[in-house]
N, C-alpha and C. Protein backbone atom coordinates (compact mmCIF):
# COMPACT_ATOMS: atom_id res chain seq x y z
N UNK A 1 7.89 68.59 -22.59
CA UNK A 1 8.00 70.01 -22.78
C UNK A 1 9.39 70.51 -22.39
N UNK A 2 9.89 70.10 -21.25
CA UNK A 2 11.21 70.52 -20.79
C UNK A 2 12.29 69.95 -21.71
N UNK A 3 12.06 68.72 -22.13
CA UNK A 3 13.01 68.08 -23.03
C UNK A 3 13.09 68.81 -24.38
N UNK A 4 11.97 69.26 -24.85
CA UNK A 4 11.91 69.97 -26.13
C UNK A 4 12.64 71.32 -26.04
N UNK A 5 12.47 72.08 -24.96
CA UNK A 5 13.15 73.37 -24.80
C UNK A 5 14.65 73.16 -24.57
N UNK A 6 15.01 72.06 -23.91
CA UNK A 6 16.43 71.75 -23.72
C UNK A 6 17.11 71.43 -25.04
N UNK A 7 16.41 70.72 -25.92
CA UNK A 7 16.93 70.42 -27.25
C UNK A 7 17.14 71.70 -28.05
N UNK A 8 16.18 72.62 -27.92
CA UNK A 8 16.27 73.88 -28.64
C UNK A 8 17.47 74.70 -28.17
N UNK A 9 17.73 74.73 -26.88
CA UNK A 9 18.86 75.47 -26.33
C UNK A 9 20.18 74.84 -26.77
N UNK A 10 20.26 73.52 -26.74
CA UNK A 10 21.48 72.84 -27.14
C UNK A 10 21.71 72.90 -28.64
N UNK A 11 20.67 72.99 -29.44
CA UNK A 11 20.79 73.03 -30.89
C UNK A 11 21.08 74.43 -31.41
N UNK A 12 21.01 75.42 -30.56
CA UNK A 12 21.26 76.81 -30.99
C UNK A 12 22.74 76.96 -31.34
N UNK A 13 23.04 77.34 -32.58
CA UNK A 13 24.44 77.43 -33.04
C UNK A 13 24.71 78.78 -33.70
N UNK A 14 24.18 79.84 -33.12
CA UNK A 14 24.34 81.15 -33.73
C UNK A 14 25.79 81.63 -33.73
N UNK A 15 26.61 81.30 -32.78
CA UNK A 15 27.99 81.77 -32.72
C UNK A 15 29.00 80.80 -33.31
N UNK A 16 28.54 79.65 -33.72
CA UNK A 16 29.44 78.61 -34.21
C UNK A 16 30.18 79.05 -35.48
N UNK A 17 29.50 79.68 -36.39
CA UNK A 17 30.13 80.11 -37.65
C UNK A 17 31.22 81.13 -37.40
N UNK A 18 31.00 82.03 -36.47
CA UNK A 18 31.99 83.05 -36.15
C UNK A 18 33.26 82.41 -35.59
N UNK A 19 33.12 81.46 -34.71
CA UNK A 19 34.28 80.79 -34.13
C UNK A 19 35.02 79.98 -35.20
N UNK A 20 34.30 79.27 -36.02
CA UNK A 20 34.95 78.47 -37.07
C UNK A 20 35.67 79.37 -38.08
N UNK A 21 35.04 80.48 -38.45
CA UNK A 21 35.68 81.40 -39.39
C UNK A 21 36.94 82.01 -38.79
N UNK A 22 36.90 82.41 -37.54
CA UNK A 22 38.09 83.03 -36.94
C UNK A 22 39.25 82.05 -36.86
N UNK A 23 38.99 80.81 -36.54
CA UNK A 23 40.05 79.81 -36.49
C UNK A 23 40.59 79.51 -37.89
N UNK A 24 39.69 79.40 -38.85
CA UNK A 24 40.11 79.13 -40.24
C UNK A 24 40.88 80.32 -40.81
N UNK A 25 40.42 81.53 -40.55
CA UNK A 25 41.11 82.73 -41.07
C UNK A 25 42.50 82.85 -40.46
N UNK A 26 42.64 82.54 -39.18
CA UNK A 26 43.95 82.60 -38.53
C UNK A 26 44.92 81.62 -39.18
N UNK A 27 44.45 80.40 -39.41
CA UNK A 27 45.31 79.40 -40.05
C UNK A 27 45.67 79.81 -41.48
N UNK A 28 44.72 80.37 -42.20
CA UNK A 28 44.97 80.82 -43.57
C UNK A 28 46.02 81.93 -43.60
N UNK A 29 45.92 82.88 -42.69
CA UNK A 29 46.90 83.98 -42.63
C UNK A 29 48.29 83.44 -42.29
N UNK A 30 48.38 82.52 -41.34
CA UNK A 30 49.68 81.93 -40.99
C UNK A 30 50.30 81.18 -42.17
N UNK A 31 49.50 80.44 -42.90
CA UNK A 31 49.99 79.71 -44.07
C UNK A 31 50.43 80.69 -45.15
N UNK A 32 49.67 81.75 -45.39
CA UNK A 32 50.03 82.74 -46.41
C UNK A 32 51.34 83.44 -46.07
N UNK A 33 51.52 83.83 -44.81
CA UNK A 33 52.78 84.45 -44.41
C UNK A 33 53.94 83.47 -44.51
N UNK A 34 53.69 82.19 -44.22
CA UNK A 34 54.73 81.18 -44.37
C UNK A 34 55.15 81.02 -45.82
N UNK A 35 54.18 81.01 -46.73
CA UNK A 35 54.49 80.92 -48.16
C UNK A 35 55.26 82.15 -48.60
N UNK A 36 54.86 83.32 -48.10
CA UNK A 36 55.57 84.56 -48.42
C UNK A 36 57.02 84.49 -47.96
N UNK A 37 57.27 84.02 -46.73
CA UNK A 37 58.64 83.95 -46.21
C UNK A 37 59.47 82.94 -46.99
N UNK A 38 58.91 81.79 -47.32
CA UNK A 38 59.66 80.80 -48.08
C UNK A 38 60.01 81.32 -49.48
N UNK A 39 59.07 82.03 -50.09
CA UNK A 39 59.34 82.62 -51.41
C UNK A 39 60.42 83.68 -51.33
N UNK A 40 60.36 84.49 -50.30
CA UNK A 40 61.38 85.53 -50.10
C UNK A 40 62.75 84.90 -49.84
N UNK A 41 62.76 83.82 -49.06
CA UNK A 41 64.02 83.12 -48.78
C UNK A 41 64.60 82.54 -50.07
N UNK A 42 63.77 82.01 -50.92
CA UNK A 42 64.23 81.48 -52.21
C UNK A 42 64.81 82.59 -53.07
N UNK A 43 64.17 83.76 -53.07
CA UNK A 43 64.68 84.91 -53.81
C UNK A 43 66.06 85.33 -53.29
N UNK A 44 66.21 85.38 -51.98
CA UNK A 44 67.50 85.77 -51.40
C UNK A 44 68.57 84.73 -51.71
N UNK A 45 68.22 83.43 -51.61
CA UNK A 45 69.20 82.39 -51.92
C UNK A 45 69.64 82.47 -53.38
N UNK A 46 68.71 82.66 -54.28
CA UNK A 46 69.04 82.76 -55.70
C UNK A 46 69.96 83.95 -55.96
N UNK A 47 69.69 85.06 -55.29
CA UNK A 47 70.52 86.25 -55.46
C UNK A 47 71.91 86.02 -54.88
N UNK A 48 72.01 85.36 -53.73
CA UNK A 48 73.32 85.06 -53.13
C UNK A 48 74.11 84.14 -54.05
N UNK A 49 73.46 83.12 -54.61
CA UNK A 49 74.15 82.19 -55.52
C UNK A 49 74.61 82.91 -56.79
N UNK A 50 73.77 83.77 -57.34
CA UNK A 50 74.16 84.52 -58.55
C UNK A 50 75.28 85.50 -58.26
N UNK A 51 75.28 86.11 -57.08
CA UNK A 51 76.34 87.05 -56.72
C UNK A 51 77.68 86.31 -56.57
N UNK A 52 77.66 85.13 -55.96
CA UNK A 52 78.90 84.34 -55.83
C UNK A 52 79.40 83.92 -57.21
N UNK A 53 78.49 83.54 -58.08
CA UNK A 53 78.86 83.14 -59.44
C UNK A 53 79.45 84.32 -60.21
N UNK A 54 78.86 85.50 -60.06
CA UNK A 54 79.37 86.69 -60.75
C UNK A 54 80.75 87.07 -60.21
N UNK A 55 80.94 86.94 -58.91
CA UNK A 55 82.25 87.24 -58.33
C UNK A 55 83.32 86.28 -58.82
N UNK A 56 82.98 84.99 -58.90
CA UNK A 56 83.95 84.01 -59.41
C UNK A 56 84.26 84.26 -60.88
N UNK A 57 83.25 84.61 -61.65
CA UNK A 57 83.49 84.90 -63.06
C UNK A 57 84.38 86.12 -63.23
N UNK A 58 84.15 87.13 -62.41
CA UNK A 58 84.99 88.33 -62.45
C UNK A 58 86.45 87.96 -62.15
N UNK A 59 86.65 87.10 -61.16
CA UNK A 59 88.01 86.73 -60.78
C UNK A 59 88.69 85.87 -61.83
N UNK A 60 87.96 84.99 -62.51
CA UNK A 60 88.62 84.13 -63.50
C UNK A 60 88.93 84.90 -64.78
N UNK A 61 88.20 85.97 -65.04
CA UNK A 61 88.47 86.77 -66.23
C UNK A 61 89.57 87.81 -65.96
N UNK A 62 89.69 88.26 -64.72
CA UNK A 62 90.68 89.27 -64.35
C UNK A 62 91.82 88.63 -63.55
N UNK A 63 92.58 87.77 -64.21
CA UNK A 63 93.73 87.13 -63.58
C UNK A 63 94.95 88.03 -63.60
N UNK A 64 96.11 87.45 -63.35
CA UNK A 64 97.34 88.25 -63.24
C UNK A 64 97.76 88.84 -64.58
N UNK A 65 97.34 88.28 -65.71
CA UNK A 65 97.71 88.81 -67.02
C UNK A 65 96.76 89.90 -67.51
N UNK A 66 95.71 90.14 -66.78
CA UNK A 66 94.72 91.15 -67.17
C UNK A 66 95.28 92.55 -66.95
N UNK A 67 94.72 93.54 -67.65
CA UNK A 67 95.11 94.93 -67.44
C UNK A 67 94.71 95.42 -66.05
N UNK A 68 93.64 94.88 -65.52
CA UNK A 68 93.19 95.23 -64.16
C UNK A 68 92.91 93.94 -63.39
N UNK A 69 93.95 93.35 -62.77
CA UNK A 69 93.76 92.09 -62.04
C UNK A 69 92.75 92.26 -60.90
N UNK A 70 92.03 91.21 -60.63
CA UNK A 70 91.03 91.24 -59.56
C UNK A 70 91.71 91.36 -58.20
N UNK A 71 91.09 92.14 -57.34
CA UNK A 71 91.54 92.26 -55.95
C UNK A 71 90.37 91.85 -55.05
N UNK A 72 90.67 91.70 -53.78
CA UNK A 72 89.61 91.34 -52.84
C UNK A 72 88.55 92.45 -52.79
N UNK A 73 88.99 93.70 -52.76
CA UNK A 73 88.05 94.82 -52.68
C UNK A 73 87.17 94.92 -53.93
N UNK A 74 87.78 94.77 -55.10
CA UNK A 74 86.98 94.88 -56.33
C UNK A 74 85.99 93.72 -56.45
N UNK A 75 86.41 92.54 -56.01
CA UNK A 75 85.50 91.39 -56.04
C UNK A 75 84.35 91.58 -55.06
N UNK A 76 84.64 92.04 -53.85
CA UNK A 76 83.59 92.27 -52.87
C UNK A 76 82.62 93.37 -53.33
N UNK A 77 83.13 94.41 -53.97
CA UNK A 77 82.26 95.47 -54.48
C UNK A 77 81.33 94.92 -55.55
N UNK A 78 81.86 94.11 -56.45
CA UNK A 78 81.03 93.53 -57.50
C UNK A 78 79.94 92.63 -56.91
N UNK A 79 80.31 91.80 -55.94
CA UNK A 79 79.35 90.89 -55.32
C UNK A 79 78.27 91.69 -54.58
N UNK A 80 78.65 92.74 -53.89
CA UNK A 80 77.66 93.57 -53.18
C UNK A 80 76.72 94.26 -54.16
N UNK A 81 77.22 94.66 -55.32
CA UNK A 81 76.34 95.25 -56.33
C UNK A 81 75.31 94.24 -56.81
N UNK A 82 75.71 92.97 -56.97
CA UNK A 82 74.76 91.94 -57.36
C UNK A 82 73.77 91.65 -56.23
N UNK A 83 74.23 91.69 -55.00
CA UNK A 83 73.34 91.42 -53.87
C UNK A 83 72.29 92.50 -53.70
N UNK A 84 72.60 93.70 -54.11
CA UNK A 84 71.65 94.80 -53.91
C UNK A 84 70.42 94.67 -54.81
N UNK A 85 70.39 93.70 -55.72
CA UNK A 85 69.23 93.49 -56.57
C UNK A 85 68.06 92.88 -55.80
N UNK A 86 68.33 92.27 -54.67
CA UNK A 86 67.29 91.63 -53.87
C UNK A 86 67.11 92.39 -52.56
N UNK A 87 66.09 92.05 -51.78
CA UNK A 87 65.92 92.71 -50.48
C UNK A 87 66.94 92.20 -49.47
N UNK A 88 68.20 92.58 -49.69
CA UNK A 88 69.32 92.10 -48.89
C UNK A 88 70.06 93.30 -48.31
N UNK A 89 70.40 93.23 -47.04
CA UNK A 89 71.23 94.24 -46.42
C UNK A 89 72.68 93.88 -46.71
N UNK A 90 73.29 94.55 -47.68
CA UNK A 90 74.63 94.17 -48.15
C UNK A 90 75.71 94.40 -47.10
N UNK A 91 75.43 95.21 -46.10
CA UNK A 91 76.46 95.48 -45.09
C UNK A 91 76.68 94.30 -44.15
N UNK A 92 75.71 93.39 -44.05
CA UNK A 92 75.90 92.24 -43.15
C UNK A 92 76.26 90.97 -43.91
N UNK A 93 76.37 91.05 -45.22
CA UNK A 93 76.79 89.89 -46.01
C UNK A 93 78.30 89.68 -45.83
N UNK A 94 78.70 88.44 -45.66
CA UNK A 94 80.12 88.10 -45.51
C UNK A 94 80.60 87.53 -46.84
N UNK A 95 81.58 88.21 -47.44
CA UNK A 95 82.09 87.81 -48.75
C UNK A 95 83.56 87.48 -48.60
N UNK A 96 83.91 86.23 -48.89
CA UNK A 96 85.31 85.83 -48.85
C UNK A 96 85.72 85.36 -50.24
N UNK A 97 86.96 85.63 -50.57
CA UNK A 97 87.47 85.23 -51.89
C UNK A 97 88.91 84.75 -51.72
N UNK A 98 89.26 83.79 -52.55
CA UNK A 98 90.65 83.31 -52.56
C UNK A 98 91.06 83.05 -54.00
N UNK A 99 92.32 83.28 -54.29
CA UNK A 99 92.85 83.05 -55.62
C UNK A 99 92.69 84.22 -56.56
N UNK A 100 92.29 85.38 -56.05
CA UNK A 100 92.10 86.54 -56.92
C UNK A 100 93.44 87.04 -57.43
N UNK A 101 93.45 87.48 -58.69
CA UNK A 101 94.68 87.98 -59.30
C UNK A 101 95.73 86.91 -59.51
N UNK A 102 95.32 85.65 -59.54
CA UNK A 102 96.26 84.55 -59.67
C UNK A 102 96.68 84.31 -61.12
N UNK A 103 97.60 83.38 -61.26
CA UNK A 103 98.11 83.04 -62.59
C UNK A 103 97.11 82.16 -63.34
N UNK A 104 97.29 82.10 -64.64
CA UNK A 104 96.42 81.29 -65.48
C UNK A 104 96.49 79.83 -65.04
N UNK A 105 95.33 79.21 -64.92
CA UNK A 105 95.25 77.81 -64.50
C UNK A 105 95.00 77.62 -63.02
N UNK A 106 95.15 78.66 -62.20
CA UNK A 106 94.87 78.51 -60.77
C UNK A 106 93.37 78.69 -60.51
N UNK A 107 92.94 78.28 -59.34
CA UNK A 107 91.52 78.30 -59.01
C UNK A 107 91.16 79.54 -58.21
N UNK A 108 90.04 80.15 -58.58
CA UNK A 108 89.50 81.30 -57.86
C UNK A 108 88.18 80.89 -57.22
N UNK A 109 88.00 81.23 -55.95
CA UNK A 109 86.82 80.82 -55.21
C UNK A 109 86.19 82.02 -54.51
N UNK A 110 84.87 82.10 -54.57
CA UNK A 110 84.12 83.15 -53.87
C UNK A 110 83.06 82.47 -53.01
N UNK A 111 82.97 82.89 -51.75
CA UNK A 111 81.95 82.38 -50.84
C UNK A 111 81.16 83.57 -50.31
N UNK A 112 79.84 83.50 -50.43
CA UNK A 112 78.96 84.56 -49.93
C UNK A 112 78.03 83.95 -48.89
N UNK A 113 78.01 84.55 -47.69
CA UNK A 113 77.14 84.09 -46.61
C UNK A 113 76.29 85.27 -46.16
N UNK A 114 74.99 85.03 -46.05
CA UNK A 114 74.07 86.08 -45.63
C UNK A 114 73.17 85.55 -44.53
N UNK A 115 73.15 86.19 -43.36
CA UNK A 115 72.23 85.76 -42.30
C UNK A 115 70.82 86.23 -42.64
N UNK A 116 69.96 85.31 -43.00
CA UNK A 116 68.61 85.64 -43.44
C UNK A 116 67.81 86.23 -42.28
N UNK A 117 67.18 87.35 -42.54
CA UNK A 117 66.32 88.00 -41.55
C UNK A 117 64.88 87.99 -42.05
N UNK A 118 64.00 87.25 -41.38
CA UNK A 118 62.61 87.15 -41.84
C UNK A 118 61.91 88.50 -41.81
N UNK A 119 61.04 88.71 -42.78
CA UNK A 119 60.27 89.94 -42.86
C UNK A 119 59.13 89.91 -41.84
N UNK A 120 58.53 88.75 -41.67
CA UNK A 120 57.44 88.58 -40.70
C UNK A 120 58.07 88.15 -39.38
N UNK A 121 57.89 88.96 -38.35
CA UNK A 121 58.52 88.69 -37.06
C UNK A 121 58.10 87.39 -36.40
N UNK A 122 56.91 86.90 -36.73
CA UNK A 122 56.42 85.66 -36.13
C UNK A 122 57.30 84.47 -36.48
N UNK A 123 57.93 84.51 -37.66
CA UNK A 123 58.71 83.38 -38.15
C UNK A 123 60.21 83.51 -37.85
N UNK A 124 60.59 84.42 -36.98
CA UNK A 124 62.01 84.65 -36.71
C UNK A 124 62.70 83.39 -36.21
N UNK A 125 62.07 82.64 -35.34
CA UNK A 125 62.70 81.42 -34.80
C UNK A 125 62.77 80.30 -35.83
N UNK A 126 61.91 80.33 -36.85
CA UNK A 126 61.93 79.27 -37.86
C UNK A 126 62.92 79.56 -38.99
N UNK A 127 63.04 80.82 -39.38
CA UNK A 127 63.80 81.17 -40.56
C UNK A 127 65.10 81.91 -40.27
N UNK A 128 65.63 81.84 -39.06
CA UNK A 128 66.90 82.48 -38.74
C UNK A 128 68.04 81.54 -39.12
N UNK A 129 68.44 81.60 -40.38
CA UNK A 129 69.49 80.72 -40.87
C UNK A 129 70.49 81.54 -41.68
N UNK A 130 71.63 80.96 -41.93
CA UNK A 130 72.62 81.57 -42.81
C UNK A 130 72.47 80.97 -44.20
N UNK A 131 72.28 81.83 -45.17
CA UNK A 131 72.20 81.39 -46.56
C UNK A 131 73.59 81.56 -47.14
N UNK A 132 74.13 80.51 -47.73
CA UNK A 132 75.50 80.54 -48.20
C UNK A 132 75.62 79.89 -49.57
N UNK A 133 76.54 80.42 -50.36
CA UNK A 133 76.81 79.84 -51.67
C UNK A 133 78.29 80.03 -52.00
N UNK A 134 78.87 79.02 -52.59
CA UNK A 134 80.27 79.07 -53.00
C UNK A 134 80.35 78.79 -54.49
N UNK A 135 81.19 79.56 -55.17
CA UNK A 135 81.40 79.36 -56.59
C UNK A 135 82.88 79.43 -56.87
N UNK A 136 83.33 78.60 -57.78
CA UNK A 136 84.75 78.63 -58.11
C UNK A 136 84.95 78.37 -59.60
N UNK A 137 86.10 78.76 -60.07
CA UNK A 137 86.44 78.56 -61.46
C UNK A 137 87.94 78.65 -61.67
N UNK A 138 88.37 78.29 -62.84
CA UNK A 138 89.80 78.30 -63.17
C UNK A 138 90.11 79.60 -63.93
N UNK A 139 91.14 80.30 -63.49
CA UNK A 139 91.53 81.57 -64.10
C UNK A 139 92.02 81.29 -65.53
N UNK A 140 91.43 82.03 -66.46
CA UNK A 140 91.73 81.78 -67.86
C UNK A 140 92.61 82.86 -68.49
N UNK A 141 92.75 83.99 -67.83
CA UNK A 141 93.54 85.06 -68.43
C UNK A 141 94.37 85.76 -67.41
């Protein structure tokens, strides 16, 4: 009799589902936010790469023979306009350029660096990196 009631007490699992669900839901939410952050990081990287490419193209088309040769300010403004297409704070992006307004045949280079800031605060220590892209081309005009 005592053994039978002890089995019944030990076999009682009324709270087990609640505990399992809470642990599973927590893991699911963490994974979903991680996927969200990685996707957002990919979006920012793609935008940074496209902005560097657009800046380099602007510089190779606006060489010293152009009616409006490229300057550092005009190149940085163009790159910041491209960066504003994504969730990027353009004021903290570092844009460097070399070879702007050069002669035909010289190389123009644009480097864009953006310190990625995670949207979800939990992942700040994992995703605090600098996203950088460099693009270069030969001035054609």
